[in-house]
C-alpha atoms as a PDB file:
ATOM      1  CA  MET A   1     -62.202 132.208-132.510  1.00  0.00           C
ATOM      2  CA  SER A   2     -62.459 131.709-128.752  1.00  0.00           C
ATOM      3  CA  ILE A   3     -63.518 128.411-127.168  1.00  0.00           C
ATOM      4  CA  HIS A   4     -63.623 127.995-123.392  1.00  0.00           C
ATOM      5  CA  LEU A   5     -63.884 124.435-122.047  1.00  0.00           C
ATOM      6  CA  VAL A   6     -64.785 124.408-118.357  1.00  0.00           C
ATOM      7  CA  GLY A   7     -64.476 121.189-116.366  1.00  0.00           C
ATOM      8  CA  GLY A   8     -67.435 121.955-114.068  1.00  0.00           C
ATOM      9  CA  GLY A   9     -67.251 123.134-110.495  1.00  0.00           C
ATOM     10  CA  TRP A  10     -68.604 126.090-108.525  1.00  0.00           C
ATOM     11  CA  SER A  11     -65.651 127.657-106.695  1.00  0.00           C
ATOM     12  CA  GLN A  12     -66.581 131.329-106.570  1.00  0.00           C
ATOM     13  CA  GLU A  13     -62.997 132.447-105.957  1.00  0.00           C
ATOM     14  CA  HIS A  14     -62.040 131.186-109.432  1.00  0.00           C
ATOM     15  CA  TYR A  15     -64.969 132.594-111.428  1.00  0.00           C
ATOM     16  CA  ARG A  16     -62.972 135.520-112.799  1.00  0.00           C
ATOM     17  CA  ALA A  17     -60.169 133.283-114.060  1.00  0.00           C
ATOM     18  CA  VAL A  18     -62.572 130.737-115.551  1.00  0.00           C
ATOM     19  CA  TYR A  19     -65.335 132.957-116.995  1.00  0.00           C
ATOM     20  CA  GLY A  20     -63.628 136.343-117.279  1.00  0.00           C
ATOM     21  CA  PRO A  21     -61.837 135.728-120.610  1.00  0.00           C
ATOM     22  CA  PHE A  22     -65.109 134.500-122.171  1.00  0.00           C
ATOM     23  CA  LEU A  23     -66.953 137.622-121.039  1.00  0.00           C
ATOM     24  CA  GLU A  24     -64.130 139.832-122.305  1.00  0.00           C
ATOM     25  CA  GLU A  25     -64.269 138.179-125.730  1.00  0.00           C
ATOM     26  CA  SER A  26     -68.066 138.517-125.820  1.00  0.00           C
ATOM     27  CA  SER A  27     -67.815 142.185-124.854  1.00  0.00           C
ATOM     28  CA  ARG A  28     -65.653 142.883-127.901  1.00  0.00           C
ATOM     29  CA  LEU A  29     -68.599 141.922-130.127  1.00  0.00           C
ATOM     30  CA  ALA A  30     -71.190 143.857-128.159  1.00  0.00           C
ATOM     31  CA  SER A  31     -71.159 147.288-129.782  1.00  0.00           C
ATOM     32  CA  LYS A  32     -74.664 146.731-131.121  1.00  0.00           C
ATOM     33  CA  HIS A  33     -76.015 145.921-127.639  1.00  0.00           C
ATOM     34  CA  THR A  34     -75.958 148.912-125.318  1.00  0.00           C
ATOM     35  CA  ARG A  35     -76.408 146.854-122.138  1.00  0.00           C
ATOM     36  CA  GLY A  36     -73.331 144.742-122.704  1.00  0.00           C
ATOM     37  CA  PRO A  37     -72.878 141.461-124.569  1.00  0.00           C
ATOM     38  CA  ARG A  38     -75.938 139.352-125.284  1.00  0.00           C
ATOM     39  CA  ILE A  39     -75.034 135.830-124.127  1.00  0.00           C
ATOM     40  CA  ALA A  40     -77.318 132.846-124.617  1.00  0.00           C
ATOM     41  CA  VAL A  41     -77.180 130.243-121.842  1.00  0.00           C
ATOM     42  CA  VAL A  42     -78.365 126.832-123.041  1.00  0.00           C
ATOM     43  CA  GLN A  43     -79.625 124.846-120.054  1.00  0.00           C
ATOM     44  CA  LEU A  44     -81.324 121.460-120.358  1.00  0.00           C
ATOM     45  CA  TYR A  45     -83.722 120.306-117.681  1.00  0.00           C
ATOM     46  CA  ASP A  46     -85.707 117.251-116.678  1.00  0.00           C
ATOM     47  CA  ALA A  47     -89.331 118.285-117.155  1.00  0.00           C
ATOM     48  CA  ALA A  48     -90.414 115.953-114.345  1.00  0.00           C
ATOM     49  CA  ALA A  49     -88.097 117.682-111.857  1.00  0.00           C
ATOM     50  CA  ASP A  50     -87.702 121.389-112.668  1.00  0.00           C
ATOM     51  CA  ASP A  51     -87.700 124.010-115.428  1.00  0.00           C
ATOM     52  CA  GLY A  52     -83.993 124.834-115.529  1.00  0.00           C
ATOM     53  CA  ARG A  53     -84.418 128.396-114.276  1.00  0.00           C
ATOM     54  CA  ASP A  54     -82.444 128.001-111.058  1.00  0.00           C
ATOM     55  CA  ARG A  55     -79.322 126.748-112.827  1.00  0.00           C
ATOM     56  CA  PHE A  56     -79.676 129.400-115.539  1.00  0.00           C
ATOM     57  CA  ALA A  57     -79.882 132.033-112.800  1.00  0.00           C
ATOM     58  CA  GLN A  58     -76.635 130.692-111.337  1.00  0.00           C
ATOM     59  CA  PHE A  59     -74.760 131.168-114.613  1.00  0.00           C
ATOM     60  CA  ALA A  60     -76.385 134.563-115.202  1.00  0.00           C
ATOM     61  CA  ALA A  61     -75.258 135.741-111.759  1.00  0.00           C
ATOM     62  CA  ILE A  62     -71.671 134.612-112.396  1.00  0.00           C
ATOM     63  CA  LEU A  63     -71.513 136.558-115.647  1.00  0.00           C
ATOM     64  CA  ARG A  64     -73.206 139.683-114.305  1.00  0.00           C
ATOM     65  CA  ASP A  65     -70.916 139.781-111.284  1.00  0.00           C
ATOM     66  CA  LEU A  66     -67.936 139.911-113.643  1.00  0.00           C
ATOM     67  CA  GLY A  67     -69.251 142.714-115.849  1.00  0.00           C
ATOM     68  CA  PRO A  68     -72.220 144.171-117.699  1.00  0.00           C
ATOM     69  CA  CYS A  69     -74.005 141.635-119.885  1.00  0.00           C
ATOM     70  CA  ARG A  70     -77.416 140.391-120.874  1.00  0.00           C
ATOM     71  CA  ALA A  71     -77.795 136.676-120.137  1.00  0.00           C
ATOM     72  CA  VAL A  72     -80.577 135.146-122.235  1.00  0.00           C
ATOM     73  CA  PRO A  73     -82.155 131.863-121.054  1.00  0.00           C
ATOM     74  CA  VAL A  74     -82.436 129.034-123.571  1.00  0.00           C
ATOM     75  CA  LEU A  75     -84.221 126.446-121.447  1.00  0.00           C
ATOM     76  CA  VAL A  76     -84.690 123.153-123.245  1.00  0.00           C
ATOM     77  CA  ALA A  77     -86.429 120.062-121.885  1.00  0.00           C
ATOM     78  CA  GLU A  78     -84.403 116.869-122.233  1.00  0.00           C
ATOM     79  CA  GLY A  79     -85.501 115.235-125.464  1.00  0.00           C
ATOM     80  CA  ASP A  80     -86.159 118.543-127.225  1.00  0.00           C
ATOM     81  CA  ALA A  81     -83.840 120.476-129.536  1.00  0.00           C
ATOM     82  CA  VAL A  82     -82.282 123.910-129.212  1.00  0.00           C
ATOM     83  CA  PRO A  83     -84.339 126.210-131.474  1.00  0.00           C
ATOM     84  CA  ALA A  84     -82.375 127.852-134.279  1.00  0.00           C
ATOM     85  CA  ALA A  85     -83.711 131.278-133.284  1.00  0.00           C
ATOM     86  CA  ALA A  86     -82.051 130.928-129.876  1.00  0.00           C
ATOM     87  CA  ILE A  87     -78.550 131.298-131.326  1.00  0.00           C
ATOM     88  CA  ASP A  88     -79.319 134.355-133.443  1.00  0.00           C
ATOM     89  CA  ASP A  89     -77.982 137.861-132.703  1.00  0.00           C
ATOM     90  CA  LEU A  90     -75.529 136.808-129.976  1.00  0.00           C
ATOM     91  CA  ASP A  91     -72.189 138.004-128.647  1.00  0.00           C
ATOM     92  CA  GLY A  92     -71.487 134.772-126.780  1.00  0.00           C
ATOM     93  CA  LEU A  93     -72.860 131.262-126.351  1.00  0.00           C
ATOM     94  CA  LEU A  94     -72.678 129.312-123.077  1.00  0.00           C
ATOM     95  CA  VAL A  95     -73.746 125.663-123.111  1.00  0.00           C
ATOM     96  CA  ALA A  96     -74.264 124.380-119.582  1.00  0.00           C
ATOM     97  CA  GLY A  97     -73.895 120.986-117.934  1.00  0.00           C
ATOM     98  CA  GLY A  98     -76.012 117.950-117.239  1.00  0.00           C
ATOM     99  CA  LEU A  99     -76.483 114.664-119.053  1.00  0.00           C
ATOM    100  CA  THR A 100     -73.978 114.786-121.908  1.00  0.00           C
ATOM    101  CA  PRO A 101     -75.857 112.538-124.398  1.00  0.00           C
ATOM    102  CA  ALA A 102     -78.953 114.712-123.911  1.00  0.00           C
ATOM    103  CA  TYR A 103     -76.993 117.896-124.584  1.00  0.00           C
ATOM    104  CA  LEU A 104     -75.499 116.405-127.725  1.00  0.00           C
ATOM    105  CA  ALA A 105     -78.947 115.419-128.990  1.00  0.00           C
ATOM    106  CA  ALA A 106     -80.303 118.882-128.214  1.00  0.00           C
ATOM    107  CA  VAL A 107     -77.610 120.806-130.114  1.00  0.00           C
ATOM    108  CA  THR A 108     -77.193 118.446-133.068  1.00  0.00           C
ATOM    109  CA  PRO A 109     -79.910 120.144-135.191  1.00  0.00           C
ATOM    110  CA  VAL A 110     -78.081 123.488-134.870  1.00  0.00           C
ATOM    111  CA  ALA A 111     -74.518 122.146-134.790  1.00  0.00           C
ATOM    112  CA  GLY A 112     -73.661 123.463-138.240  1.00  0.00           C
ATOM    113  CA  GLU A 113     -74.827 126.972-137.377  1.00  0.00           C
ATOM    114  CA  ILE A 114     -72.974 126.971-134.040  1.00  0.00           C
ATOM    115  CA  ARG A 115     -69.810 125.874-135.814  1.00  0.00           C
ATOM    116  CA  ARG A 116     -70.234 128.601-138.457  1.00  0.00           C
ATOM    117  CA  LEU A 117     -70.740 131.292-135.808  1.00  0.00           C
ATOM    118  CA  VAL A 118     -67.765 130.196-133.709  1.00  0.00           C
ATOM    119  CA  VAL A 119     -65.467 130.082-136.734  1.00  0.00           C
ATOM    120  CA  ALA A 120     -66.683 133.608-137.562  1.00  0.00           C
ATOM    121  CA  GLY A 121     -65.695 134.790-134.068  1.00  0.00           C
ATOM    122  CA  LEU A 122     -68.544 134.039-131.646  1.00  0.00           C
ATOM    123  CA  PRO A 123     -67.061 133.050-128.239  1.00  0.00           C
ATOM    124  CA  TYR A 124     -68.240 129.649-126.981  1.00  0.00           C
ATOM    125  CA  LEU A 125     -68.125 128.454-123.382  1.00  0.00           C
ATOM    126  CA  GLY A 126     -68.972 124.858-122.586  1.00  0.00           C
ATOM    127  CA  PHE A 127     -69.454 123.826-118.961  1.00  0.00           C
ATOM    128  CA  SER A 128     -68.992 120.100-118.264  1.00  0.00           C
ATOM    129  CA  ALA A 129     -71.328 118.499-120.837  1.00  0.00           C
ATOM    130  CA  GLY A 130     -71.119 121.682-122.901  1.00  0.00           C
ATOM    131  CA  ALA A 131     -67.338 121.271-122.987  1.00  0.00           C
ATOM    132  CA  GLN A 132     -67.460 117.587-123.891  1.00  0.00           C
ATOM    133  CA  ILE A 133     -69.764 118.045-126.875  1.00  0.00           C
ATOM    134  CA  ALA A 134     -67.533 120.799-128.330  1.00  0.00           C
ATOM    135  CA  ALA A 135     -65.182 118.184-129.799  1.00  0.00           C
ATOM    136  CA  THR A 136     -65.240 116.819-133.341  1.00  0.00           C
ATOM    137  CA  THR A 137     -65.445 113.361-131.755  1.00  0.00           C
ATOM    138  CA  ALA A 138     -67.043 113.756-128.331  1.00  0.00           C
ATOM    139  CA  ILE A 139     -66.663 111.537-125.283  1.00  0.00           C
ATOM    140  CA  ILE A 140     -70.272 111.390-124.074  1.00  0.00           C
ATOM    141  CA  GLY A 141     -70.105 108.873-121.233  1.00  0.00           C
ATOM    142  CA  GLY A 142     -69.624 105.303-120.152  1.00  0.00           C
ATOM    143  CA  TRP A 143     -67.732 103.768-117.253  1.00  0.00           C
ATOM    144  CA  ARG A 144     -66.493 100.432-118.636  1.00  0.00           C
ATOM    145  CA  SER A 145     -64.333  99.268-121.524  1.00  0.00           C
ATOM    146  CA  GLY A 146     -65.538  95.775-122.277  1.00  0.00           C
ATOM    147  CA  ALA A 147     -65.822  94.126-118.878  1.00  0.00           C
ATOM    148  CA  VAL A 148     -63.229  96.396-117.261  1.00  0.00           C
ATOM    149  CA  PRO A 149     -64.369  99.345-115.096  1.00  0.00           C
ATOM    150  CA  ILE A 150     -62.353 102.455-115.955  1.00  0.00           C
ATOM    151  CA  CYS A 151     -64.111 105.034-113.741  1.00  0.00           C
ATOM    152  CA  ASP A 152     -66.930 105.135-111.211  1.00  0.00           C
ATOM    153  CA  GLU A 153     -70.315 103.962-112.482  1.00  0.00           C
ATOM    154  CA  ASP A 154     -71.862 107.239-111.286  1.00  0.00           C
ATOM    155  CA  CYS A 155     -69.830 109.029-113.978  1.00  0.00           C
ATOM    156  CA  GLY A 156     -71.287 106.904-116.768  1.00  0.00           C
ATOM    157  CA  GLU A 157     -73.905 109.434-117.991  1.00  0.00           C
ATOM    158  CA  ASP A 158     -76.450 106.589-118.163  1.00  0.00           C
ATOM    159  CA  LEU A 159     -74.118 104.707-120.527  1.00  0.00           C
ATOM    160  CA  ASP A 160     -72.315 101.451-119.763  1.00  0.00           C
ATOM    161  CA  GLN A 161     -69.485 101.357-122.310  1.00  0.00           C
ATOM    162  CA  VAL A 162     -67.151 104.292-122.952  1.00  0.00           C
ATOM    163  CA  THR A 163     -68.906 105.994-125.853  1.00  0.00           C
ATOM    164  CA  THR A 164     -67.899 108.579-128.424  1.00  0.00           C
ATOM    165  CA  ALA A 165     -70.075 110.327-131.002  1.00  0.00           C
ATOM    166  CA  PRO A 166     -69.820 113.174-133.522  1.00  0.00           C
ATOM    167  CA  GLY A 167     -69.844 116.485-131.631  1.00  0.00           C
ATOM    168  CA  LEU A 168     -69.950 120.157-132.565  1.00  0.00           C
ATOM    169  CA  GLY A 169     -66.549 120.095-134.245  1.00  0.00           C
ATOM    170  CA  LEU A 170     -65.204 123.206-132.501  1.00  0.00           C
ATOM    171  CA  VAL A 171     -61.963 121.545-131.343  1.00  0.00           C
ATOM    172  CA  ASP A 172     -60.072 118.634-132.882  1.00  0.00           C
ATOM    173  CA  PHE A 173     -59.415 116.844-129.589  1.00  0.00           C
ATOM    174  CA  ALA A 174     -61.834 115.036-127.294  1.00  0.00           C
ATOM    175  CA  VAL A 175     -62.812 116.561-123.949  1.00  0.00           C
ATOM    176  CA  ASP A 176     -63.776 115.120-120.580  1.00  0.00           C
ATOM    177  CA  ALA A 177     -64.724 117.056-117.440  1.00  0.00           C
ATOM    178  CA  HIS A 178     -64.434 116.800-113.626  1.00  0.00           C
ATOM    179  CA  ALA A 179     -61.092 115.084-114.211  1.00  0.00           C
ATOM    180  CA  ALA A 180     -59.444 115.069-110.769  1.00  0.00           C
ATOM    181  CA  GLN A 181     -62.710 115.236-108.849  1.00  0.00           C
ATOM    182  CA  TRP A 182     -64.568 112.367-110.561  1.00  0.00           C
ATOM    183  CA  GLY A 183     -61.622 110.364-111.898  1.00  0.00           C
ATOM    184  CA  THR A 184     -62.656 110.780-115.535  1.00  0.00           C
ATOM    185  CA  LEU A 185     -59.055 111.170-116.703  1.00  0.00           C
ATOM    186  CA  THR A 186     -59.028 107.383-117.034  1.00  0.00           C
ATOM    187  CA  ARG A 187     -61.978 107.594-119.445  1.00  0.00           C
ATOM    188  CA  ALA A 188     -60.045 110.017-121.646  1.00  0.00           C
ATOM    189  CA  ILE A 189     -57.021 107.703-121.489  1.00  0.00           C
ATOM    190  CA  THR A 190     -59.191 104.752-122.473  1.00  0.00           C
ATOM    191  CA  ALA A 191     -60.690 106.613-125.455  1.00  0.00           C
ATOM    192  CA  VAL A 192     -57.195 107.452-126.736  1.00  0.00           C
ATOM    193  CA  ASP A 193     -55.744 104.030-125.969  1.00  0.00           C
ATOM    194  CA  ARG A 194     -58.552 102.280-127.871  1.00  0.00           C
ATOM    195  CA  GLY A 195     -58.125 104.592-130.866  1.00  0.00           C
ATOM    196  CA  ASP A 196     -61.559 106.177-130.504  1.00  0.00           C
ATOM    197  CA  VAL A 197     -59.827 109.572-130.574  1.00  0.00           C
ATOM    198  CA  ASP A 198     -56.276 110.675-131.379  1.00  0.00           C
ATOM    199  CA  ARG A 199     -55.921 112.929-128.345  1.00  0.00           C
ATOM    200  CA  ALA A 200     -57.992 114.291-125.501  1.00  0.00           C
ATOM    201  CA  VAL A 201     -57.978 116.737-122.624  1.00  0.00           C
ATOM    202  CA  ALA A 202     -59.563 116.025-119.248  1.00  0.00           C
ATOM    203  CA  VAL A 203     -60.297 119.289-117.440  1.00  0.00           C
ATOM    204  CA  ASP A 204     -60.456 119.666-113.664  1.00  0.00           C
ATOM    205  CA  GLU A 205     -63.326 121.467-111.955  1.00  0.00           C
ATOM    206  CA  SER A 206     -63.125 125.264-111.646  1.00  0.00           C
ATOM    207  CA  THR A 207     -60.645 125.165-114.517  1.00  0.00           C
ATOM    208  CA  ALA A 208     -60.895 126.275-118.147  1.00  0.00           C
ATOM    209  CA  CYS A 209     -59.031 125.112-121.222  1.00  0.00           C
ATOM    210  CA  ILE A 210     -59.094 128.210-123.450  1.00  0.00           C
ATOM    211  CA  VAL A 211     -58.551 127.636-127.162  1.00  0.00           C
ATOM    212  CA  THR A 212     -57.904 130.403-129.693  1.00  0.00           C
ATOM    213  CA  GLU A 213     -56.589 130.337-133.248  1.00  0.00           C
ATOM    214  CA  HIS A 214     -53.031 130.690-132.004  1.00  0.00           C
ATOM    215  CA  SER A 215     -52.837 129.181-128.517  1.00  0.00           C
ATOM    216  CA  THR A 216     -54.266 126.855-125.898  1.00  0.00           C
ATOM    217  CA  LEU A 217     -53.942 127.765-122.243  1.00  0.00           C
ATOM    218  CA  THR A 218     -55.182 126.706-118.825  1.00  0.00           C
ATOM    219  CA  ALA A 219     -56.851 129.022-116.298  1.00  0.00           C
ATOM    220  CA  GLY A 220     -58.398 128.468-112.881  1.00  0.00           C
ATOM    221  CA  ALA A 221     -57.921 126.227-109.893  1.00  0.00           C
ATOM    222  CA  GLY A 222     -56.694 122.974-111.382  1.00  0.00           C
ATOM    223  CA  GLN A 223     -55.110 121.344-114.374  1.00  0.00           C
ATOM    224  CA  CYS A 224     -55.826 120.258-117.914  1.00  0.00           C
ATOM    225  CA  TRP A 225     -54.655 116.693-118.424  1.00  0.00           C
ATOM    226  CA  TRP A 226     -53.572 116.160-122.043  1.00  0.00           C
ATOM    227  CA  VAL A 227     -53.666 112.595-123.333  1.00  0.00           C
ATOM    228  CA  GLN A 228     -52.000 111.555-126.581  1.00  0.00           C
ATOM    229  CA  ARG A 229     -50.868 108.360-128.242  1.00  0.00           C
ATOM    230  CA  THR A 230     -47.200 108.042-129.189  1.00  0.00           C
ATOM    231  CA  GLY A 231     -45.117 105.199-130.532  1.00  0.00           C
ATOM    232  CA  ALA A 232     -44.423 104.144-126.954  1.00  0.00           C
ATOM    233  CA  GLY A 233     -48.097 104.142-125.918  1.00  0.00           C
ATOM    234  CA  VAL A 234     -50.330 106.726-124.262  1.00  0.00           C
ATOM    235  CA  VAL A 235     -48.693 109.777-122.717  1.00  0.00           C
ATOM    236  CA  VAL A 236     -50.365 112.087-120.193  1.00  0.00           C
ATOM    237  CA  ARG A 237     -49.162 115.653-119.613  1.00  0.00           C
ATOM    238  CA  ALA A 238     -50.572 117.996-116.962  1.00  0.00           C
ATOM    239  CA  ASP A 239     -50.879 121.697-117.759  1.00  0.00           C
ATOM    240  CA  ARG A 240     -51.446 123.993-114.812  1.00  0.00           C
ATOM    241  CA  GLY A 241     -52.474 127.557-115.419  1.00  0.00           C
ATOM    242  CA  SER A 242     -52.933 130.659-113.333  1.00  0.00           C
ATOM    243  CA  PRO A 243     -55.763 130.621-110.764  1.00  0.00           C
ATOM    244  CA  GLY A 244     -56.403 134.279-111.564  1.00  0.00           C
END
């Protein structure tokens, strides 16, 4: 099992540290594919604005620059669902970023199959929204708790109140993204403090929280901010990894 939770960001100098371990894990499954691992990239798009191809191409270029692979576009209009056939015969699954509630709605019909594949060994990389929805209980947005602002309104994901919902169930802690850059650490703290989740990690941009069966580590430019409730209240611990 290999789950890579990326906090967003586009710092090219950190691509190898952030995406390299995911590609390496995918490559280990790729013996049946002669051109390298077959990796599906799930990218949602706003049908009124674009078709998602430019952002898919960005992820495909990152992966191909790191090593041989076949990036397969799974372009899904917001409001539609990821087709079950799109996650068949893969060596890796990358779920991209955008509006987190829309991503959760899109993957929910195939959540059980994604979970089965990941438990069986399929590497999963979630970028921003894709990282947030990986949790059993996912933080999907919001910028206020009651009447109290807890982060910038622009980070609300079109939601007013801090909101959690059932996610993919790949990790047993909640995830937030863009932690240092957007100030979303306070949203993770709020979710833990209110009892919505037992613990959470807020991941900085150009940083990955990499989860395997036996370890959890941080890679890339920034930090993973771990939030947990104790008898004395909420405790935050910063874990800084290697920039690669």
